[in-house]
């Protein structure tokens, strides 16, 4: 995925300003930044939920504006923040919805569809809960069910907007471990928006810092998360220490 001169906003209000960004294939990219910096707006633009004021987003060399809805849905899946679960929907039915872009209205449910759904449920360790209502799952299990749905969409690109919101640290680690394994084991390109800097640095292959609608830094976490960058972007005085090869942020005070 390649973002070129991308500007986005809502009405007359511009949020993202002339962003250029290369997303590495087959890796986990995490986008971080202060509240209101434009992280989720950038992700929405990359998913074609917002029309660019300038620039474009390209998938494998094709401007996503030139793709039909079905063609885009077969290449890119988006999990928004805190999706609402319809009442009475089972885990299996939710995940099966990920197969819609691959099926015409006249096509019956196929062995291929069944195989992909079962694999997605297995990846998130919910195969034994397929017949249970989604509403009866814990918060972490419910989030894994939604991730299974986008996995069942079987796309090359997965966009996850704050997938660890409302999860405790243990469940957040589970979700990010899954996101990284999807990228590394299947060669998919996974892009997440996160708030937790240490969690982002622990799991990201590629870290992007957004500040005031622009890219402040991008690269390997150890090169991006520096005390100077934290001071400049987040207004945070912090120590950055190495923990098992990944940077961890220890906040001291507001700069």
C-alpha atoms as a PDB file:
ATOM      1  CA  UNK A   1       0.000   0.000   0.000  1.00  0.00           C
ATOM      2  CA  UNK A   2       1.245   3.452  -0.916  1.00  0.00           C
ATOM      3  CA  UNK A   3      -0.201   6.786   0.229  1.00  0.00           C
ATOM      4  CA  UNK A   4       0.706   9.812  -1.880  1.00  0.00           C
ATOM      5  CA  UNK A   5       0.022  13.479  -1.064  1.00  0.00           C
ATOM      6  CA  UNK A   6      -3.103  12.460   0.861  1.00  0.00           C
ATOM      7  CA  UNK A   7      -5.251  15.175   2.450  1.00  0.00           C
ATOM      8  CA  UNK A   8      -8.459  14.302   4.300  1.00  0.00           C
ATOM      9  CA  UNK A   9     -11.091  16.054   6.350  1.00  0.00           C
ATOM     10  CA  UNK A  10     -14.718  16.477   7.271  1.00  0.00           C
ATOM     11  CA  UNK A  11     -16.508  19.236   5.406  1.00  0.00           C
ATOM     12  CA  UNK A  12     -14.266  22.277   5.386  1.00  0.00           C
ATOM     13  CA  UNK A  13     -12.168  21.030   8.277  1.00  0.00           C
ATOM     14  CA  UNK A  14      -8.869  19.509   7.107  1.00  0.00           C
ATOM     15  CA  UNK A  15      -7.434  16.788   9.395  1.00  0.00           C
ATOM     16  CA  UNK A  16      -4.734  15.070   7.315  1.00  0.00           C
ATOM     17  CA  UNK A  17      -2.328  17.265   5.341  1.00  0.00           C
ATOM     18  CA  UNK A  18      -0.424  16.024   2.264  1.00  0.00           C
ATOM     19  CA  UNK A  19       0.717  12.709   3.726  1.00  0.00           C
ATOM     20  CA  UNK A  20       3.152  10.416   1.903  1.00  0.00           C
ATOM     21  CA  UNK A  21       3.521   6.930   3.348  1.00  0.00           C
ATOM     22  CA  UNK A  22       4.783   3.532   2.194  1.00  0.00           C
ATOM     23  CA  UNK A  23       3.289   0.553   4.050  1.00  0.00           C
ATOM     24  CA  UNK A  24       5.545  -2.532   3.931  1.00  0.00           C
ATOM     25  CA  UNK A  25       3.871  -5.676   2.620  1.00  0.00           C
ATOM     26  CA  UNK A  26       3.554  -8.748   4.823  1.00  0.00           C
ATOM     27  CA  UNK A  27       4.267  -6.821   8.019  1.00  0.00           C
ATOM     28  CA  UNK A  28       2.453  -5.265  10.973  1.00  0.00           C
ATOM     29  CA  UNK A  29       2.374  -1.475  10.771  1.00  0.00           C
ATOM     30  CA  UNK A  30       1.119   0.418  13.821  1.00  0.00           C
ATOM     31  CA  UNK A  31       0.001   4.052  13.677  1.00  0.00           C
ATOM     32  CA  UNK A  32       0.326   6.054  16.910  1.00  0.00           C
ATOM     33  CA  UNK A  33      -0.062   9.686  17.854  1.00  0.00           C
ATOM     34  CA  UNK A  34      -1.699  12.048  20.355  1.00  0.00           C
ATOM     35  CA  UNK A  35      -5.474  12.308  20.669  1.00  0.00           C
ATOM     36  CA  UNK A  36      -6.861  14.291  17.762  1.00  0.00           C
ATOM     37  CA  UNK A  37      -3.726  13.894  15.659  1.00  0.00           C
ATOM     38  CA  UNK A  38      -5.592  12.227  12.782  1.00  0.00           C
ATOM     39  CA  UNK A  39      -4.706   8.540  13.238  1.00  0.00           C
ATOM     40  CA  UNK A  40      -8.190   7.138  12.684  1.00  0.00           C
ATOM     41  CA  UNK A  41      -8.926   9.686   9.958  1.00  0.00           C
ATOM     42  CA  UNK A  42      -5.842   8.495   8.088  1.00  0.00           C
ATOM     43  CA  UNK A  43      -6.962   4.870   8.446  1.00  0.00           C
ATOM     44  CA  UNK A  44     -10.457   5.756   7.200  1.00  0.00           C
ATOM     45  CA  UNK A  45      -8.920   7.407   4.166  1.00  0.00           C
ATOM     46  CA  UNK A  46      -6.812   4.327   3.503  1.00  0.00           C
ATOM     47  CA  UNK A  47     -10.030   2.273   3.604  1.00  0.00           C
ATOM     48  CA  UNK A  48     -11.827   4.698   1.191  1.00  0.00           C
ATOM     49  CA  UNK A  49     -14.366   5.741   3.799  1.00  0.00           C
ATOM     50  CA  UNK A  50     -13.328   9.339   3.178  1.00  0.00           C
ATOM     51  CA  UNK A  51     -12.830  10.994  -0.193  1.00  0.00           C
ATOM     52  CA  UNK A  52      -9.403  12.633  -0.458  1.00  0.00           C
ATOM     53  CA  UNK A  53      -9.167  16.381  -0.859  1.00  0.00           C
ATOM     54  CA  UNK A  54      -5.787  15.735  -2.496  1.00  0.00           C
ATOM     55  CA  UNK A  55      -3.711  12.683  -3.310  1.00  0.00           C
ATOM     56  CA  UNK A  56      -4.490   8.990  -3.509  1.00  0.00           C
ATOM     57  CA  UNK A  57      -4.092   5.571  -1.893  1.00  0.00           C
ATOM     58  CA  UNK A  58      -2.759   2.767  -4.091  1.00  0.00           C
ATOM     59  CA  UNK A  59      -3.081  -0.989  -3.624  1.00  0.00           C
ATOM     60  CA  UNK A  60      -0.618  -2.944  -5.755  1.00  0.00           C
ATOM     61  CA  UNK A  61      -0.290   0.063  -8.028  1.00  0.00           C
ATOM     62  CA  UNK A  62      -4.035   0.735  -8.454  1.00  0.00           C
ATOM     63  CA  UNK A  63      -5.759   3.817  -7.055  1.00  0.00           C
ATOM     64  CA  UNK A  64      -8.460   2.535  -4.701  1.00  0.00           C
ATOM     65  CA  UNK A  65     -10.769   5.226  -6.085  1.00  0.00           C
ATOM     66  CA  UNK A  66     -10.798   3.247  -9.353  1.00  0.00           C
ATOM     67  CA  UNK A  67     -11.844  -0.049  -7.729  1.00  0.00           C
ATOM     68  CA  UNK A  68     -15.440  -1.200  -7.492  1.00  0.00           C
ATOM     69  CA  UNK A  69     -16.876  -1.888  -4.053  1.00  0.00           C
ATOM     70  CA  UNK A  70     -16.613  -5.651  -4.473  1.00  0.00           C
ATOM     71  CA  UNK A  71     -13.077  -5.530  -5.850  1.00  0.00           C
ATOM     72  CA  UNK A  72     -11.930  -3.325  -2.957  1.00  0.00           C
ATOM     73  CA  UNK A  73     -13.643  -5.551  -0.364  1.00  0.00           C
ATOM     74  CA  UNK A  74     -11.789  -8.562  -1.775  1.00  0.00           C
ATOM     75  CA  UNK A  75      -8.461  -6.772  -1.291  1.00  0.00           C
ATOM     76  CA  UNK A  76      -8.948  -4.767   1.905  1.00  0.00           C
ATOM     77  CA  UNK A  77     -10.830  -5.393   5.163  1.00  0.00           C
ATOM     78  CA  UNK A  78     -11.487  -2.819   7.889  1.00  0.00           C
ATOM     79  CA  UNK A  79     -12.395  -3.419  11.526  1.00  0.00           C
ATOM     80  CA  UNK A  80     -13.694  -0.099  12.929  1.00  0.00           C
ATOM     81  CA  UNK A  81     -13.582   1.015  16.547  1.00  0.00           C
ATOM     82  CA  UNK A  82     -16.057  -0.725  18.865  1.00  0.00           C
ATOM     83  CA  UNK A  83     -18.309  -2.320  16.203  1.00  0.00           C
ATOM     84  CA  UNK A  84     -21.916  -2.944  17.268  1.00  0.00           C
ATOM     85  CA  UNK A  85     -23.041  -6.579  17.354  1.00  0.00           C
ATOM     86  CA  UNK A  86     -26.605  -7.315  16.185  1.00  0.00           C
ATOM     87  CA  UNK A  87     -28.658  -9.055  18.888  1.00  0.00           C
ATOM     88  CA  UNK A  88     -28.923 -12.824  18.612  1.00  0.00           C
ATOM     89  CA  UNK A  89     -26.088 -13.239  16.119  1.00  0.00           C
ATOM     90  CA  UNK A  90     -23.924 -16.306  16.728  1.00  0.00           C
ATOM     91  CA  UNK A  91     -20.144 -16.223  16.556  1.00  0.00           C
ATOM     92  CA  UNK A  92     -20.194 -18.414  13.454  1.00  0.00           C
ATOM     93  CA  UNK A  93     -22.768 -16.213  11.713  1.00  0.00           C
ATOM     94  CA  UNK A  94     -20.733 -13.093  12.465  1.00  0.00           C
ATOM     95  CA  UNK A  95     -17.572 -14.587  11.019  1.00  0.00           C
ATOM     96  CA  UNK A  96     -19.478 -15.906   7.990  1.00  0.00           C
ATOM     97  CA  UNK A  97     -20.366 -12.316   7.085  1.00  0.00           C
ATOM     98  CA  UNK A  98     -16.754 -11.871   6.088  1.00  0.00           C
ATOM     99  CA  UNK A  99     -17.426 -14.080   3.060  1.00  0.00           C
ATOM    100  CA  UNK A 100     -19.997 -11.702   1.500  1.00  0.00           C
ATOM    101  CA  UNK A 101     -17.528  -9.961  -0.886  1.00  0.00           C
ATOM    102  CA  UNK A 102     -16.578 -13.344  -2.375  1.00  0.00           C
ATOM    103  CA  UNK A 103     -20.116 -14.511  -3.128  1.00  0.00           C
ATOM    104  CA  UNK A 104     -22.752 -13.435  -5.620  1.00  0.00           C
ATOM    105  CA  UNK A 105     -26.393 -13.223  -4.559  1.00  0.00           C
ATOM    106  CA  UNK A 106     -27.171 -16.470  -6.378  1.00  0.00           C
ATOM    107  CA  UNK A 107     -24.251 -18.494  -4.992  1.00  0.00           C
ATOM    108  CA  UNK A 108     -24.766 -21.088  -2.303  1.00  0.00           C
ATOM    109  CA  UNK A 109     -22.533 -21.489   0.713  1.00  0.00           C
ATOM    110  CA  UNK A 110     -19.550 -23.520  -0.493  1.00  0.00           C
ATOM    111  CA  UNK A 111     -16.991 -25.866   1.025  1.00  0.00           C
ATOM    112  CA  UNK A 112     -14.429 -23.108   0.439  1.00  0.00           C
ATOM    113  CA  UNK A 113     -16.504 -20.640   2.481  1.00  0.00           C
ATOM    114  CA  UNK A 114     -16.848 -23.190   5.278  1.00  0.00           C
ATOM    115  CA  UNK A 115     -13.120 -23.889   5.260  1.00  0.00           C
ATOM    116  CA  UNK A 116     -12.174 -20.200   5.444  1.00  0.00           C
ATOM    117  CA  UNK A 117     -14.615 -19.517   8.294  1.00  0.00           C
ATOM    118  CA  UNK A 118     -13.403 -22.515  10.301  1.00  0.00           C
ATOM    119  CA  UNK A 119      -9.792 -21.486   9.785  1.00  0.00           C
ATOM    120  CA  UNK A 120     -10.548 -17.939  10.944  1.00  0.00           C
ATOM    121  CA  UNK A 121     -12.343 -19.236  14.054  1.00  0.00           C
ATOM    122  CA  UNK A 122      -9.398 -21.523  14.798  1.00  0.00           C
ATOM    123  CA  UNK A 123      -6.929 -18.650  14.429  1.00  0.00           C
ATOM    124  CA  UNK A 124      -8.726 -16.706  17.164  1.00  0.00           C
ATOM    125  CA  UNK A 125      -9.330 -19.815  19.299  1.00  0.00           C
ATOM    126  CA  UNK A 126     -13.128 -19.595  19.076  1.00  0.00           C
ATOM    127  CA  UNK A 127     -13.923 -22.719  17.077  1.00  0.00           C
ATOM    128  CA  UNK A 128     -15.700 -24.255  20.085  1.00  0.00           C
ATOM    129  CA  UNK A 129     -17.832 -21.126  20.582  1.00  0.00           C
ATOM    130  CA  UNK A 130     -19.164 -20.869  17.009  1.00  0.00           C
ATOM    131  CA  UNK A 131     -22.788 -21.602  17.973  1.00  0.00           C
ATOM    132  CA  UNK A 132     -22.893 -19.218  20.946  1.00  0.00           C
ATOM    133  CA  UNK A 133     -24.288 -15.672  20.753  1.00  0.00           C
ATOM    134  CA  UNK A 134     -21.586 -13.055  20.323  1.00  0.00           C
ATOM    135  CA  UNK A 135     -23.168 -11.058  23.152  1.00  0.00           C
ATOM    136  CA  UNK A 136     -22.341 -13.847  25.624  1.00  0.00           C
ATOM    137  CA  UNK A 137     -18.602 -13.592  24.975  1.00  0.00           C
ATOM    138  CA  UNK A 138     -16.199 -11.627  27.127  1.00  0.00           C
ATOM    139  CA  UNK A 139     -14.796  -8.366  25.773  1.00  0.00           C
ATOM    140  CA  UNK A 140     -11.584  -9.996  24.607  1.00  0.00           C
ATOM    141  CA  UNK A 141     -13.397 -12.930  23.011  1.00  0.00           C
ATOM    142  CA  UNK A 142     -15.820 -10.597  21.262  1.00  0.00           C
ATOM    143  CA  UNK A 143     -12.969  -8.601  19.788  1.00  0.00           C
ATOM    144  CA  UNK A 144     -11.349 -11.823  18.571  1.00  0.00           C
ATOM    145  CA  UNK A 145     -14.661 -12.780  16.932  1.00  0.00           C
ATOM    146  CA  UNK A 146     -14.711  -9.507  14.998  1.00  0.00           C
ATOM    147  CA  UNK A 147     -11.099 -10.059  13.962  1.00  0.00           C
ATOM    148  CA  UNK A 148     -12.090 -13.537  12.763  1.00  0.00           C
ATOM    149  CA  UNK A 149     -14.731 -11.895  10.573  1.00  0.00           C
ATOM    150  CA  UNK A 150     -12.168  -9.717   8.798  1.00  0.00           C
ATOM    151  CA  UNK A 151      -9.829 -12.717   8.536  1.00  0.00           C
ATOM    152  CA  UNK A 152     -12.645 -14.639   6.822  1.00  0.00           C
ATOM    153  CA  UNK A 153     -12.854 -11.801   4.320  1.00  0.00           C
ATOM    154  CA  UNK A 154      -9.538 -13.263   3.159  1.00  0.00           C
ATOM    155  CA  UNK A 155      -7.975 -10.010   1.979  1.00  0.00           C
ATOM    156  CA  UNK A 156      -4.361  -9.081   1.425  1.00  0.00           C
ATOM    157  CA  UNK A 157      -4.710  -5.935   3.580  1.00  0.00           C
ATOM    158  CA  UNK A 158      -6.268  -5.730   7.068  1.00  0.00           C
ATOM    159  CA  UNK A 159      -6.948  -2.391   8.777  1.00  0.00           C
ATOM    160  CA  UNK A 160      -7.724  -2.470  12.505  1.00  0.00           C
ATOM    161  CA  UNK A 161      -8.808   0.746  14.213  1.00  0.00           C
ATOM    162  CA  UNK A 162      -7.882   0.598  17.909  1.00  0.00           C
ATOM    163  CA  UNK A 163      -8.526  -3.165  18.254  1.00  0.00           C
ATOM    164  CA  UNK A 164      -7.395  -3.168  21.913  1.00  0.00           C
ATOM    165  CA  UNK A 165      -9.806  -0.463  23.130  1.00  0.00           C
ATOM    166  CA  UNK A 166     -11.634  -1.474  26.338  1.00  0.00           C
ATOM    167  CA  UNK A 167      -9.432  -4.581  26.742  1.00  0.00           C
ATOM    168  CA  UNK A 168      -7.253  -5.283  29.750  1.00  0.00           C
ATOM    169  CA  UNK A 169      -3.523  -5.656  29.105  1.00  0.00           C
ATOM    170  CA  UNK A 170      -3.557  -9.458  28.885  1.00  0.00           C
ATOM    171  CA  UNK A 171      -6.329  -9.459  26.264  1.00  0.00           C
ATOM    172  CA  UNK A 172      -4.667  -6.579  24.430  1.00  0.00           C
ATOM    173  CA  UNK A 173      -1.482  -8.663  24.198  1.00  0.00           C
ATOM    174  CA  UNK A 174      -3.554 -11.571  22.837  1.00  0.00           C
ATOM    175  CA  UNK A 175      -5.056  -9.370  20.113  1.00  0.00           C
ATOM    176  CA  UNK A 176      -1.713  -7.880  19.072  1.00  0.00           C
ATOM    177  CA  UNK A 177      -0.038 -11.302  19.096  1.00  0.00           C
ATOM    178  CA  UNK A 178      -2.763 -12.450  16.723  1.00  0.00           C
ATOM    179  CA  UNK A 179      -2.345  -9.380  14.473  1.00  0.00           C
ATOM    180  CA  UNK A 180       1.391  -9.949  14.192  1.00  0.00           C
ATOM    181  CA  UNK A 181       1.023 -13.674  13.538  1.00  0.00           C
ATOM    182  CA  UNK A 182      -1.492 -12.965  10.751  1.00  0.00           C
ATOM    183  CA  UNK A 183       1.078 -10.720   9.068  1.00  0.00           C
ATOM    184  CA  UNK A 184       4.078 -12.972   9.581  1.00  0.00           C
ATOM    185  CA  UNK A 185       2.444 -16.366   9.010  1.00  0.00           C
ATOM    186  CA  UNK A 186       0.198 -15.537   6.057  1.00  0.00           C
ATOM    187  CA  UNK A 187       2.091 -12.656   4.468  1.00  0.00           C
ATOM    188  CA  UNK A 188      -0.814 -10.242   4.840  1.00  0.00           C
ATOM    189  CA  UNK A 189      -0.326  -6.527   5.365  1.00  0.00           C
ATOM    190  CA  UNK A 190      -1.832  -5.525   8.725  1.00  0.00           C
ATOM    191  CA  UNK A 191      -2.244  -1.885   9.785  1.00  0.00           C
ATOM    192  CA  UNK A 192      -3.387  -0.986  13.325  1.00  0.00           C
ATOM    193  CA  UNK A 193      -4.134   2.256  15.109  1.00  0.00           C
ATOM    194  CA  UNK A 194      -3.125   2.097  18.788  1.00  0.00           C
ATOM    195  CA  UNK A 195      -2.832   4.436  21.761  1.00  0.00           C
ATOM    196  CA  UNK A 196      -0.469   2.356  23.899  1.00  0.00           C
ATOM    197  CA  UNK A 197       3.071   3.243  22.799  1.00  0.00           C
ATOM    198  CA  UNK A 198       4.803   0.351  24.538  1.00  0.00           C
ATOM    199  CA  UNK A 199       2.305  -2.160  23.147  1.00  0.00           C
ATOM    200  CA  UNK A 200       2.794  -0.670  19.686  1.00  0.00           C
ATOM    201  CA  UNK A 201       6.567  -0.854  19.948  1.00  0.00           C
ATOM    202  CA  UNK A 202       6.476  -4.419  21.246  1.00  0.00           C
ATOM    203  CA  UNK A 203       4.536  -5.796  18.274  1.00  0.00           C
ATOM    204  CA  UNK A 204       5.042  -3.437  15.325  1.00  0.00           C
ATOM    205  CA  UNK A 205       7.435  -4.173  12.493  1.00  0.00           C
ATOM    206  CA  UNK A 206       6.888  -0.650  11.233  1.00  0.00           C
ATOM    207  CA  UNK A 207       5.828   2.273  13.431  1.00  0.00           C
ATOM    208  CA  UNK A 208       4.217   5.471  12.115  1.00  0.00           C
ATOM    209  CA  UNK A 209       3.846   8.556  14.323  1.00  0.00           C
ATOM    210  CA  UNK A 210       1.140  11.047  13.336  1.00  0.00           C
ATOM    211  CA  UNK A 211       1.198  14.591  14.695  1.00  0.00           C
ATOM    212  CA  UNK A 212      -1.214  17.376  13.748  1.00  0.00           C
ATOM    213  CA  UNK A 213      -2.279  15.551  10.608  1.00  0.00           C
ATOM    214  CA  UNK A 214       1.217  14.904   9.324  1.00  0.00           C
ATOM    215  CA  UNK A 215       3.765  12.082   9.559  1.00  0.00           C
ATOM    216  CA  UNK A 216       6.243  13.007  12.285  1.00  0.00           C
ATOM    217  CA  UNK A 217       8.296   9.815  11.996  1.00  0.00           C
ATOM    218  CA  UNK A 218       8.157   6.347  10.469  1.00  0.00           C
ATOM    219  CA  UNK A 219      10.406   3.330  10.691  1.00  0.00           C
ATOM    220  CA  UNK A 220      11.514   0.622  13.083  1.00  0.00           C
ATOM    221  CA  UNK A 221      10.148   1.183  16.629  1.00  0.00           C
ATOM    222  CA  UNK A 222      13.629   1.513  18.136  1.00  0.00           C
ATOM    223  CA  UNK A 223      14.432   4.299  15.679  1.00  0.00           C
ATOM    224  CA  UNK A 224      11.113   6.124  16.090  1.00  0.00           C
ATOM    225  CA  UNK A 225      10.350   5.998  19.815  1.00  0.00           C
ATOM    226  CA  UNK A 226      13.048   8.262  21.220  1.00  0.00           C
ATOM    227  CA  UNK A 227      12.831  10.629  24.198  1.00  0.00           C
ATOM    228  CA  UNK A 228      13.180  13.534  21.773  1.00  0.00           C
ATOM    229  CA  UNK A 229      10.262  12.332  19.620  1.00  0.00           C
ATOM    230  CA  UNK A 230       8.075  11.741  22.680  1.00  0.00           C
ATOM    231  CA  UNK A 231       8.830  15.256  23.908  1.00  0.00           C
ATOM    232  CA  UNK A 232       8.209  16.854  20.528  1.00  0.00           C
ATOM    233  CA  UNK A 233       5.040  14.950  19.507  1.00  0.00           C
ATOM    234  CA  UNK A 234       3.376  13.940  22.771  1.00  0.00           C
ATOM    235  CA  UNK A 235       4.656  16.666  25.071  1.00  0.00           C
ATOM    236  CA  UNK A 236       5.894  13.872  27.323  1.00  0.00           C
ATOM    237  CA  UNK A 237       9.079  13.600  29.333  1.00  0.00           C
ATOM    238  CA  UNK A 238       9.882   9.878  29.366  1.00  0.00           C
ATOM    239  CA  UNK A 239      12.625   7.286  29.494  1.00  0.00           C
ATOM    240  CA  UNK A 240      12.842   4.744  26.678  1.00  0.00           C
ATOM    241  CA  UNK A 241      14.356   1.449  27.772  1.00  0.00           C
ATOM    242  CA  UNK A 242      15.082  -1.796  25.961  1.00  0.00           C
ATOM    243  CA  UNK A 243      12.980  -4.775  27.069  1.00  0.00           C
ATOM    244  CA  UNK A 244      13.809  -8.000  25.255  1.00  0.00           C
ATOM    245  CA  UNK A 245      14.831  -6.129  22.124  1.00  0.00           C
ATOM    246  CA  UNK A 246      11.884  -3.711  21.935  1.00  0.00           C
ATOM    247  CA  UNK A 247      11.612  -0.156  23.297  1.00  0.00           C
ATOM    248  CA  UNK A 248       9.359   0.453  26.292  1.00  0.00           C
ATOM    249  CA  UNK A 249       8.187   3.925  27.310  1.00  0.00           C
ATOM    250  CA  UNK A 250       8.421   4.888  30.990  1.00  0.00           C
ATOM    251  CA  UNK A 251       6.655   8.252  31.425  1.00  0.00           C
ATOM    252  CA  UNK A 252       8.054  10.765  33.911  1.00  0.00           C
ATOM    253  CA  UNK A 253       5.836  13.840  33.537  1.00  0.00           C
ATOM    254  CA  UNK A 254       4.286  16.184  31.027  1.00  0.00           C
ATOM    255  CA  UNK A 255       7.057  18.047  29.278  1.00  0.00           C
END
